Amino acid sequence: MNAPPPRRLTRHQIALMIGIDVVALLIGVGLFLWLQPRDGQAAVMALVSALVFGGFFNVVVALVSIRP
């Protein structure tokens, strides 16, 4: 029997995911620093929401890339 090749992410896809993480982190930290003097709770929420949004896109990239 022929075993199917393992489904793995390519270097390009991993680089894309790292880029998404960096952009999400930059946006989150930027929003945090901008909102911190005005409202501390909103600043934390902006940071967390940007990171969750970036994580969501990483999951989408991973699921689309390793589909059967």
Protein backbone atom coordinates (compact mmCIF):
# COMPACT_ATOMS: atom_id res chain seq x y z
CA MET A 1 0.00 0.00 0.00
CA ASN A 2 1.12 3.52 -0.73
CA ALA A 3 1.06 5.74 2.29
CA PRO A 4 -0.07 9.29 1.54
CA PRO A 5 2.63 11.91 2.03
CA PRO A 6 2.45 13.72 5.37
CA ARG A 7 0.58 16.99 5.31
CA ARG A 8 2.95 19.70 6.46
CA LEU A 9 3.22 23.42 6.21
CA THR A 10 5.78 24.77 3.76
CA ARG A 11 8.38 27.37 4.70
CA HIS A 12 6.38 29.99 2.82
CA GLN A 13 3.26 29.22 4.83
CA ILE A 14 5.18 29.28 8.11
CA ALA A 15 6.72 32.62 7.11
CA LEU A 16 3.23 33.92 6.31
CA MET A 17 1.99 32.85 9.74
CA ILE A 18 4.95 34.52 11.45
CA GLY A 19 4.28 37.68 9.44
CA ILE A 20 0.64 37.63 10.52
CA ASP A 21 1.76 37.28 14.15
CA VAL A 22 4.19 40.20 13.84
CA VAL A 23 1.58 42.46 12.23
CA ALA A 24 -1.03 41.52 14.86
CA LEU A 25 1.47 42.17 17.65
CA LEU A 26 2.45 45.56 16.20
CA ILE A 27 -1.19 46.58 15.81
CA GLY A 28 -2.04 45.36 19.30
CA VAL A 29 0.88 47.12 20.99
CA GLY A 30 0.19 50.28 18.99
CA LEU A 31 -3.45 50.31 20.05
CA PHE A 32 -2.45 49.52 23.62
CA LEU A 33 0.00 52.42 23.81
CA TRP A 34 -2.47 54.77 22.15
CA LEU A 35 -5.39 53.84 24.43
CA GLN A 36 -3.46 53.41 27.71
CA PRO A 37 -3.61 57.08 28.80
CA ARG A 38 -7.35 57.26 28.04
CA ASP A 39 -8.71 53.94 29.29
CA GLY A 40 -6.64 51.09 30.68
CA GLN A 41 -9.29 48.39 30.25
CA ALA A 42 -9.95 49.34 26.63
CA ALA A 43 -6.19 49.25 25.99
CA VAL A 44 -5.92 45.69 27.29
CA MET A 45 -8.98 44.65 25.29
CA ALA A 46 -7.50 46.17 22.11
CA LEU A 47 -4.25 44.27 22.64
CA VAL A 48 -6.03 40.97 23.29
CA SER A 49 -8.43 41.39 20.37
CA ALA A 50 -5.60 42.09 17.92
CA LEU A 51 -3.75 38.97 19.09
CA VAL A 52 -6.90 36.82 18.85
CA PHE A 53 -7.57 38.16 15.35
CA GLY A 54 -4.01 37.24 14.30
CA GLY A 55 -4.37 33.81 15.87
CA PHE A 56 -7.60 33.26 13.96
CA PHE A 57 -5.84 33.99 10.67
CA ASN A 58 -3.05 31.57 11.61
CA VAL A 59 -5.64 28.84 12.19
CA VAL A 60 -7.23 29.61 8.83
CA VAL A 61 -3.85 29.39 7.06
CA ALA A 62 -3.04 26.11 8.80
CA LEU A 63 -6.42 24.52 8.07
CA VAL A 64 -6.44 25.56 4.42
CA SER A 65 -2.84 24.44 3.94
CA ILE A 66 -3.14 20.94 5.36
CA ARG A 67 -6.47 20.00 3.85
CA PRO A 68 -6.60 16.46 2.44
